[in-house]
PDB file of N, CA and C in Angstrom:
ATOM      1  N   MET A   1       9.436 -10.303  -9.932  1.00  0.00           N
ATOM      2  CA  MET A   1       8.977 -11.359 -10.799  1.00  0.00           C
ATOM      3  C   MET A   1       7.650 -11.943 -10.311  1.00  0.00           C
ATOM      4  N   LYS A   2       7.538 -12.182  -9.005  1.00  0.00           N
ATOM      5  CA  LYS A   2       6.297 -12.728  -8.461  1.00  0.00           C
ATOM      6  C   LYS A   2       5.139 -11.771  -8.697  1.00  0.00           C
ATOM      7  N   LEU A   3       5.385 -10.458  -8.552  1.00  0.00           N
ATOM      8  CA  LEU A   3       4.338  -9.479  -8.794  1.00  0.00           C
ATOM      9  C   LEU A   3       3.843  -9.573 -10.234  1.00  0.00           C
ATOM     10  N   SER A   4       4.745  -9.757 -11.182  1.00  0.00           N
ATOM     11  CA  SER A   4       4.358  -9.892 -12.593  1.00  0.00           C
ATOM     12  C   SER A   4       3.517 -11.140 -12.815  1.00  0.00           C
ATOM     13  N   LEU A   5       3.914 -12.258 -12.214  1.00  0.00           N
ATOM     14  CA  LEU A   5       3.141 -13.489 -12.358  1.00  0.00           C
ATOM     15  C   LEU A   5       1.771 -13.358 -11.712  1.00  0.00           C
ATOM     16  N   ASP A   6       1.715 -12.720 -10.557  1.00  0.00           N
ATOM     17  CA  ASP A   6       0.421 -12.492  -9.903  1.00  0.00           C
ATOM     18  C   ASP A   6      -0.467 -11.607 -10.764  1.00  0.00           C
ATOM     19  N   ALA A   7       0.104 -10.596 -11.363  1.00  0.00           N
ATOM     20  CA  ALA A   7      -0.658  -9.701 -12.234  1.00  0.00           C
ATOM     21  C   ALA A   7      -1.175 -10.444 -13.463  1.00  0.00           C
ATOM     22  N   ILE A   8      -0.358 -11.308 -14.025  1.00  0.00           N
ATOM     23  CA  ILE A   8      -0.774 -12.101 -15.185  1.00  0.00           C
ATOM     24  C   ILE A   8      -1.911 -13.043 -14.796  1.00  0.00           C
ATOM     25  N   MET A   9      -1.782 -13.682 -13.648  1.00  0.00           N
ATOM     26  CA  MET A   9      -2.847 -14.580 -13.181  1.00  0.00           C
ATOM     27  C   MET A   9      -4.141 -13.811 -12.927  1.00  0.00           C
ATOM     28  N   GLN A  10      -4.034 -12.642 -12.327  1.00  0.00           N
ATOM     29  CA  GLN A  10      -5.227 -11.815 -12.102  1.00  0.00           C
ATOM     30  C   GLN A  10      -5.875 -11.462 -13.423  1.00  0.00           C
ATOM     31  N   HIS A  11      -5.059 -11.108 -14.403  1.00  0.00           N
ATOM     32  CA  HIS A  11      -5.585 -10.747 -15.707  1.00  0.00           C
ATOM     33  C   HIS A  11      -6.270 -11.944 -16.364  1.00  0.00           C
ATOM     34  N   CYS A  12      -5.655 -13.104 -16.304  1.00  0.00           N
ATOM     35  CA  CYS A  12      -6.251 -14.317 -16.869  1.00  0.00           C
ATOM     36  C   CYS A  12      -7.575 -14.655 -16.180  1.00  0.00           C
ATOM     37  N   ASN A  13      -7.575 -14.549 -14.869  1.00  0.00           N
ATOM     38  CA  ASN A  13      -8.803 -14.801 -14.116  1.00  0.00           C
ATOM     39  C   ASN A  13      -9.885 -13.803 -14.480  1.00  0.00           C
ATOM     40  N   SER A  14      -9.492 -12.563 -14.680  1.00  0.00           N
ATOM     41  CA  SER A  14     -10.426 -11.518 -15.077  1.00  0.00           C
ATOM     42  C   SER A  14     -11.037 -11.817 -16.438  1.00  0.00           C
ATOM     43  N   LEU A  15     -10.206 -12.258 -17.370  1.00  0.00           N
ATOM     44  CA  LEU A  15     -10.700 -12.606 -18.702  1.00  0.00           C
ATOM     45  C   LEU A  15     -11.660 -13.797 -18.653  1.00  0.00           C
ATOM     46  N   ALA A  16     -11.333 -14.783 -17.847  1.00  0.00           N
ATOM     47  CA  ALA A  16     -12.209 -15.954 -17.709  1.00  0.00           C
ATOM     48  C   ALA A  16     -13.549 -15.557 -17.098  1.00  0.00           C
ATOM     49  N   TYR A  17     -13.505 -14.712 -16.096  1.00  0.00           N
ATOM     50  CA  TYR A  17     -14.730 -14.246 -15.444  1.00  0.00           C
ATOM     51  C   TYR A  17     -15.577 -13.434 -16.428  1.00  0.00           C
ATOM     52  N   GLU A  18     -14.921 -12.601 -17.206  1.00  0.00           N
ATOM     53  CA  GLU A  18     -15.615 -11.797 -18.209  1.00  0.00           C
ATOM     54  C   GLU A  18     -16.310 -12.704 -19.227  1.00  0.00           C
ATOM     55  N   GLN A  19     -15.649 -13.768 -19.626  1.00  0.00           N
ATOM     56  CA  GLN A  19     -16.248 -14.721 -20.567  1.00  0.00           C
ATOM     57  C   GLN A  19     -17.461 -15.401 -19.949  1.00  0.00           C
ATOM     58  N   GLU A  20     -17.381 -15.742 -18.681  1.00  0.00           N
ATOM     59  CA  GLU A  20     -18.525 -16.346 -17.991  1.00  0.00           C
ATOM     60  C   GLU A  20     -19.711 -15.393 -17.977  1.00  0.00           C
ATOM     61  N   LEU A  21     -19.450 -14.112 -17.731  1.00  0.00           N
ATOM     62  CA  LEU A  21     -20.519 -13.121 -17.715  1.00  0.00           C
ATOM     63  C   LEU A  21     -21.161 -12.988 -19.091  1.00  0.00           C
ATOM     64  N   ARG A  22     -20.349 -13.019 -20.136  1.00  0.00           N
ATOM     65  CA  ARG A  22     -20.895 -12.946 -21.501  1.00  0.00           C
ATOM     66  C   ARG A  22     -21.786 -14.145 -21.795  1.00  0.00           C
ATOM     67  N   GLU A  23     -21.342 -15.321 -21.383  1.00  0.00           N
ATOM     68  CA  GLU A  23     -22.130 -16.530 -21.619  1.00  0.00           C
ATOM     69  C   GLU A  23     -23.446 -16.466 -20.836  1.00  0.00           C
ATOM     70  N   GLU A  24     -23.384 -15.988 -19.621  1.00  0.00           N
ATOM     71  CA  GLU A  24     -24.603 -15.853 -18.825  1.00  0.00           C
ATOM     72  C   GLU A  24     -25.566 -14.867 -19.485  1.00  0.00           C
ATOM     73  N   ALA A  25     -25.050 -13.773 -20.039  1.00  0.00           N
ATOM     74  CA  ALA A  25     -25.884 -12.799 -20.736  1.00  0.00           C
ATOM     75  C   ALA A  25     -26.537 -13.438 -21.965  1.00  0.00           C
ATOM     76  N   ARG A  26     -25.778 -14.258 -22.695  1.00  0.00           N
ATOM     77  CA  ARG A  26     -26.341 -14.958 -23.855  1.00  0.00           C
ATOM     78  C   ARG A  26     -27.478 -15.881 -23.436  1.00  0.00           C
ATOM     79  N   GLN A  27     -27.269 -16.587 -22.333  1.00  0.00           N
ATOM     80  CA  GLN A  27     -28.305 -17.510 -21.851  1.00  0.00           C
ATOM     81  C   GLN A  27     -29.568 -16.763 -21.436  1.00  0.00           C
ATOM     82  N   LEU A  28     -29.401 -15.620 -20.782  1.00  0.00           N
ATOM     83  CA  LEU A  28     -30.568 -14.821 -20.387  1.00  0.00           C
ATOM     84  C   LEU A  28     -31.318 -14.319 -21.618  1.00  0.00           C
ATOM     85  N   LYS A  29     -30.587 -13.885 -22.613  1.00  0.00           N
ATOM     86  CA  LYS A  29     -31.214 -13.419 -23.850  1.00  0.00           C
ATOM     87  C   LYS A  29     -31.987 -14.561 -24.507  1.00  0.00           C
ATOM     88  N   LYS A  30     -31.379 -15.733 -24.546  1.00  0.00           N
ATOM     89  CA  LYS A  30     -32.015 -16.909 -25.127  1.00  0.00           C
ATOM     90  C   LYS A  30     -33.303 -17.255 -24.382  1.00  0.00           C
ATOM     91  N   ARG A  31     -33.245 -17.227 -23.046  1.00  0.00           N
ATOM     92  CA  ARG A  31     -34.428 -17.520 -22.235  1.00  0.00           C
ATOM     93  C   ARG A  31     -35.535 -16.509 -22.496  1.00  0.00           C
ATOM     94  N   LEU A  32     -35.157 -15.231 -22.593  1.00  0.00           N
ATOM     95  CA  LEU A  32     -36.147 -14.186 -22.821  1.00  0.00           C
ATOM     96  C   LEU A  32     -36.799 -14.326 -24.198  1.00  0.00           C
ATOM     97  N   LEU A  33     -36.006 -14.612 -25.217  1.00  0.00           N
ATOM     98  CA  LEU A  33     -36.560 -14.802 -26.556  1.00  0.00           C
ATOM     99  C   LEU A  33     -37.504 -16.002 -26.608  1.00  0.00           C
ATOM    100  N   LYS A  34     -37.139 -17.074 -25.939  1.00  0.00           N
ATOM    101  CA  LYS A  34     -38.012 -18.259 -25.905  1.00  0.00           C
ATOM    102  C   LYS A  34     -39.298 -17.940 -25.159  1.00  0.00           C
ATOM    103  N   LEU A  35     -39.170 -17.213 -24.062  1.00  0.00           N
ATOM    104  CA  LEU A  35     -40.339 -16.826 -23.286  1.00  0.00           C
ATOM    105  C   LEU A  35     -41.291 -15.992 -24.141  1.00  0.00           C
ATOM    106  N   MET A  36     -40.754 -15.027 -24.854  1.00  0.00           N
ATOM    107  CA  MET A  36     -41.577 -14.181 -25.717  1.00  0.00           C
ATOM    108  C   MET A  36     -42.240 -15.005 -26.818  1.00  0.00           C
ATOM    109  N   SER A  37     -41.477 -15.910 -27.398  1.00  0.00           N
ATOM    110  CA  SER A  37     -42.008 -16.772 -28.453  1.00  0.00           C
ATOM    111  C   SER A  37     -43.130 -17.663 -27.922  1.00  0.00           C
ATOM    112  N   ASP A  38     -42.911 -18.261 -26.762  1.00  0.00           N
ATOM    113  CA  ASP A  38     -43.941 -19.118 -26.152  1.00  0.00           C
ATOM    114  C   ASP A  38     -45.205 -18.333 -25.841  1.00  0.00           C
ATOM    115  N   TYR A  39     -45.039 -17.111 -25.358  1.00  0.00           N
ATOM    116  CA  TYR A  39     -46.203 -16.286 -25.028  1.00  0.00           C
ATOM    117  C   TYR A  39     -46.972 -15.908 -26.295  1.00  0.00           C
ATOM    118  N   GLU A  40     -46.242 -15.487 -27.318  1.00  0.00           N
ATOM    119  CA  GLU A  40     -46.896 -15.106 -28.577  1.00  0.00           C
ATOM    120  C   GLU A  40     -47.587 -16.289 -29.245  1.00  0.00           C
ATOM    121  N   ALA A  41     -47.052 -17.486 -29.059  1.00  0.00           N
ATOM    122  CA  ALA A  41     -47.647 -18.692 -29.634  1.00  0.00           C
ATOM    123  C   ALA A  41     -48.809 -19.208 -28.793  1.00  0.00           C
ATOM    124  N   GLY A  42     -49.006 -18.631 -27.619  1.00  0.00           N
ATOM    125  CA  GLY A  42     -50.092 -19.063 -26.747  1.00  0.00           C
ATOM    126  C   GLY A  42     -49.745 -20.266 -25.891  1.00  0.00           C
ATOM    127  N   ALA A  43     -48.474 -20.628 -25.849  1.00  0.00           N
ATOM    128  CA  ALA A  43     -48.049 -21.797 -25.078  1.00  0.00           C
ATOM    129  C   ALA A  43     -48.063 -21.517 -23.575  1.00  0.00           C
ATOM    130  N   ILE A  44     -47.938 -20.256 -23.199  1.00  0.00           N
ATOM    131  CA  ILE A  44     -48.001 -19.874 -21.784  1.00  0.00           C
ATOM    132  C   ILE A  44     -48.948 -18.685 -21.635  1.00  0.00           C
ATOM    133  N   ASP A  45     -49.490 -18.524 -20.443  1.00  0.00           N
ATOM    134  CA  ASP A  45     -50.418 -17.415 -20.199  1.00  0.00           C
ATOM    135  C   ASP A  45     -49.687 -16.190 -19.644  1.00  0.00           C
ATOM    136  N   GLN A  46     -50.442 -15.125 -19.460  1.00  0.00           N
ATOM    137  CA  GLN A  46     -49.871 -13.854 -18.999  1.00  0.00           C
ATOM    138  C   GLN A  46     -49.203 -14.000 -17.634  1.00  0.00           C
ATOM    139  N   LYS A  47     -49.828 -14.761 -16.737  1.00  0.00           N
ATOM    140  CA  LYS A  47     -49.275 -14.930 -15.391  1.00  0.00           C
ATOM    141  C   LYS A  47     -47.910 -15.614 -15.448  1.00  0.00           C
ATOM    142  N   LYS A  48     -47.827 -16.709 -16.166  1.00  0.00           N
ATOM    143  CA  LYS A  48     -46.572 -17.455 -16.295  1.00  0.00           C
ATOM    144  C   LYS A  48     -45.512 -16.575 -16.964  1.00  0.00           C
ATOM    145  N   TYR A  49     -45.934 -15.831 -17.992  1.00  0.00           N
ATOM    146  CA  TYR A  49     -45.012 -14.936 -18.685  1.00  0.00           C
ATOM    147  C   TYR A  49     -44.447 -13.902 -17.712  1.00  0.00           C
ATOM    148  N   SER A  50     -45.317 -13.288 -16.926  1.00  0.00           N
ATOM    149  CA  SER A  50     -44.885 -12.248 -15.978  1.00  0.00           C
ATOM    150  C   SER A  50     -43.929 -12.801 -14.930  1.00  0.00           C
ATOM    151  N   GLU A  51     -44.241 -13.995 -14.421  1.00  0.00           N
ATOM    152  CA  GLU A  51     -43.381 -14.609 -13.415  1.00  0.00           C
ATOM    153  C   GLU A  51     -41.986 -14.896 -13.971  1.00  0.00           C
ATOM    154  N   GLN A  52     -41.943 -15.514 -15.142  1.00  0.00           N
ATOM    155  CA  GLN A  52     -40.654 -15.867 -15.734  1.00  0.00           C
ATOM    156  C   GLN A  52     -39.878 -14.632 -16.181  1.00  0.00           C
ATOM    157  N   GLU A  53     -40.617 -13.629 -16.671  1.00  0.00           N
ATOM    158  CA  GLU A  53     -39.956 -12.387 -17.066  1.00  0.00           C
ATOM    159  C   GLU A  53     -39.308 -11.724 -15.849  1.00  0.00           C
ATOM    160  N   ALA A  54     -40.006 -11.738 -14.717  1.00  0.00           N
ATOM    161  CA  ALA A  54     -39.456 -11.156 -13.487  1.00  0.00           C
ATOM    162  C   ALA A  54     -38.194 -11.895 -13.051  1.00  0.00           C
ATOM    163  N   GLU A  55     -38.197 -13.222 -13.172  1.00  0.00           N
ATOM    164  CA  GLU A  55     -37.003 -14.012 -12.831  1.00  0.00           C
ATOM    165  C   GLU A  55     -35.821 -13.638 -13.734  1.00  0.00           C
ATOM    166  N   ILE A  56     -36.084 -13.535 -15.015  1.00  0.00           N
ATOM    167  CA  ILE A  56     -35.022 -13.194 -15.969  1.00  0.00           C
ATOM    168  C   ILE A  56     -34.495 -11.788 -15.690  1.00  0.00           C
ATOM    169  N   MET A  57     -35.388 -10.854 -15.417  1.00  0.00           N
ATOM    170  CA  MET A  57     -34.979  -9.481 -15.158  1.00  0.00           C
ATOM    171  C   MET A  57     -34.166  -9.391 -13.860  1.00  0.00           C
ATOM    172  N   ALA A  58     -34.523 -10.182 -12.854  1.00  0.00           N
ATOM    173  CA  ALA A  58     -33.746 -10.214 -11.613  1.00  0.00           C
ATOM    174  C   ALA A  58     -32.341 -10.752 -11.887  1.00  0.00           C
ATOM    175  N   SER A  59     -32.254 -11.788 -12.692  1.00  0.00           N
ATOM    176  CA  SER A  59     -30.948 -12.340 -13.065  1.00  0.00           C
ATOM    177  C   SER A  59     -30.138 -11.324 -13.851  1.00  0.00           C
ATOM    178  N   LEU A  60     -30.808 -10.613 -14.733  1.00  0.00           N
ATOM    179  CA  LEU A  60     -30.130  -9.584 -15.523  1.00  0.00           C
ATOM    180  C   LEU A  60     -29.607  -8.460 -14.630  1.00  0.00           C
ATOM    181  N   SER A  61     -30.389  -8.100 -13.630  1.00  0.00           N
ATOM    182  CA  SER A  61     -29.962  -7.060 -12.688  1.00  0.00           C
ATOM    183  C   SER A  61     -28.703  -7.497 -11.931  1.00  0.00           C
ATOM    184  N   LYS A  62     -28.685  -8.744 -11.468  1.00  0.00           N
ATOM    185  CA  LYS A  62     -27.503  -9.278 -10.783  1.00  0.00           C
ATOM    186  C   LYS A  62     -26.296  -9.290 -11.717  1.00  0.00           C
ATOM    187  N   LEU A  63     -26.528  -9.687 -12.950  1.00  0.00           N
ATOM    188  CA  LEU A  63     -25.446  -9.730 -13.936  1.00  0.00           C
ATOM    189  C   LEU A  63     -24.892  -8.333 -14.194  1.00  0.00           C
ATOM    190  N   THR A  64     -25.770  -7.355 -14.280  1.00  0.00           N
ATOM    191  CA  THR A  64     -25.346  -5.975 -14.495  1.00  0.00           C
ATOM    192  C   THR A  64     -24.482  -5.494 -13.340  1.00  0.00           C
ATOM    193  N   GLN A  65     -24.848  -5.866 -12.119  1.00  0.00           N
ATOM    194  CA  GLN A  65     -24.036  -5.501 -10.951  1.00  0.00           C
ATOM    195  C   GLN A  65     -22.671  -6.179 -11.020  1.00  0.00           C
ATOM    196  N   GLN A  66     -22.632  -7.420 -11.436  1.00  0.00           N
ATOM    197  CA  GLN A  66     -21.357  -8.133 -11.559  1.00  0.00           C
ATOM    198  C   GLN A  66     -20.469  -7.476 -12.601  1.00  0.00           C
ATOM    199  N   VAL A  67     -21.065  -7.040 -13.713  1.00  0.00           N
ATOM    200  CA  VAL A  67     -20.305  -6.373 -14.761  1.00  0.00           C
ATOM    201  C   VAL A  67     -19.746  -5.060 -14.237  1.00  0.00           C
ATOM    202  N   SER A  68     -20.549  -4.329 -13.472  1.00  0.00           N
ATOM    203  CA  SER A  68     -20.085  -3.068 -12.891  1.00  0.00           C
ATOM    204  C   SER A  68     -18.927  -3.302 -11.935  1.00  0.00           C
ATOM    205  N   ASN A  69     -19.037  -4.341 -11.119  1.00  0.00           N
ATOM    206  CA  ASN A  69     -17.956  -4.677 -10.191  1.00  0.00           C
ATOM    207  C   ASN A  69     -16.703  -5.092 -10.946  1.00  0.00           C
ATOM    208  N   GLN A  70     -16.878  -5.851 -12.016  1.00  0.00           N
ATOM    209  CA  GLN A  70     -15.742  -6.290 -12.830  1.00  0.00           C
ATOM    210  C   GLN A  70     -15.046  -5.082 -13.454  1.00  0.00           C
ATOM    211  N   SER A  71     -15.815  -4.109 -13.902  1.00  0.00           N
ATOM    212  CA  SER A  71     -15.236  -2.915 -14.517  1.00  0.00           C
ATOM    213  C   SER A  71     -14.374  -2.165 -13.511  1.00  0.00           C
ATOM    214  N   SER A  72     -14.804  -2.125 -12.268  1.00  0.00           N
ATOM    215  CA  SER A  72     -14.038  -1.434 -11.225  1.00  0.00           C
ATOM    216  C   SER A  72     -12.703  -2.125 -10.968  1.00  0.00           C
ATOM    217  N   THR A  73     -12.715  -3.442 -10.893  1.00  0.00           N
ATOM    218  CA  THR A  73     -11.478  -4.169 -10.616  1.00  0.00           C
ATOM    219  C   THR A  73     -10.597  -4.244 -11.853  1.00  0.00           C
ATOM    220  N   GLN A  74     -11.201  -4.182 -13.018  1.00  0.00           N
ATOM    221  CA  GLN A  74     -10.408  -4.250 -14.245  1.00  0.00           C
ATOM    222  C   GLN A  74      -9.519  -3.014 -14.365  1.00  0.00           C
ATOM    223  N   THR A  75      -9.990  -1.882 -13.892  1.00  0.00           N
ATOM    224  CA  THR A  75      -9.170  -0.672 -13.913  1.00  0.00           C
ATOM    225  C   THR A  75      -7.907  -0.896 -13.099  1.00  0.00           C
ATOM    226  N   PHE A  76      -8.030  -1.573 -11.961  1.00  0.00           N
ATOM    227  CA  PHE A  76      -6.876  -1.880 -11.139  1.00  0.00           C
ATOM    228  C   PHE A  76      -5.924  -2.808 -11.881  1.00  0.00           C
ATOM    229  N   ASN A  77      -6.471  -3.855 -12.501  1.00  0.00           N
ATOM    230  CA  ASN A  77      -5.626  -4.806 -13.223  1.00  0.00           C
ATOM    231  C   ASN A  77      -4.897  -4.151 -14.382  1.00  0.00           C
ATOM    232  N   THR A  78      -5.571  -3.314 -15.124  1.00  0.00           N
ATOM    233  CA  THR A  78      -4.910  -2.683 -16.257  1.00  0.00           C
ATOM    234  C   THR A  78      -3.896  -1.647 -15.772  1.00  0.00           C
ATOM    235  N   GLY A  79      -4.076  -1.182 -14.557  1.00  0.00           N
ATOM    236  CA  GLY A  79      -3.087  -0.252 -13.993  1.00  0.00           C
ATOM    237  C   GLY A  79      -1.777  -0.934 -13.678  1.00  0.00           C
ATOM    238  N   LEU A  80      -1.755  -2.258 -13.694  1.00  0.00           N
ATOM    239  CA  LEU A  80      -0.524  -2.999 -13.444  1.00  0.00           C
ATOM    240  C   LEU A  80       0.266  -3.216 -14.720  1.00  0.00           C
ATOM    241  N   GLY A  81      -0.207  -2.604 -15.804  1.00  0.00           N
ATOM    242  CA  GLY A  81       0.543  -2.692 -17.054  1.00  0.00           C
ATOM    243  C   GLY A  81       0.095  -3.822 -17.958  1.00  0.00           C
ATOM    244  N   LEU A  82      -1.061  -4.389 -17.684  1.00  0.00           N
ATOM    245  CA  LEU A  82      -1.553  -5.488 -18.541  1.00  0.00           C
ATOM    246  C   LEU A  82      -2.736  -5.022 -19.344  1.00  0.00           C
TER     247      LEU A  82
END
């Protein structure tokens, strides 16, 4: 019984973490679209655009690694019958 409850909690935690990753991806997309819009409108220069784009891309790279790690552990969780 305890194993089942632990598995359910792991699954719930996994779902919550997955939702956090999705929200973070949405925020990065929003930041990138605003950055592009500001650059096209002339509100920021090429240097500022490049700096902020690099920051967003670094965040995206970290997020991609987190998603890959989540996929690896999710296989384990689903192997418990959930």
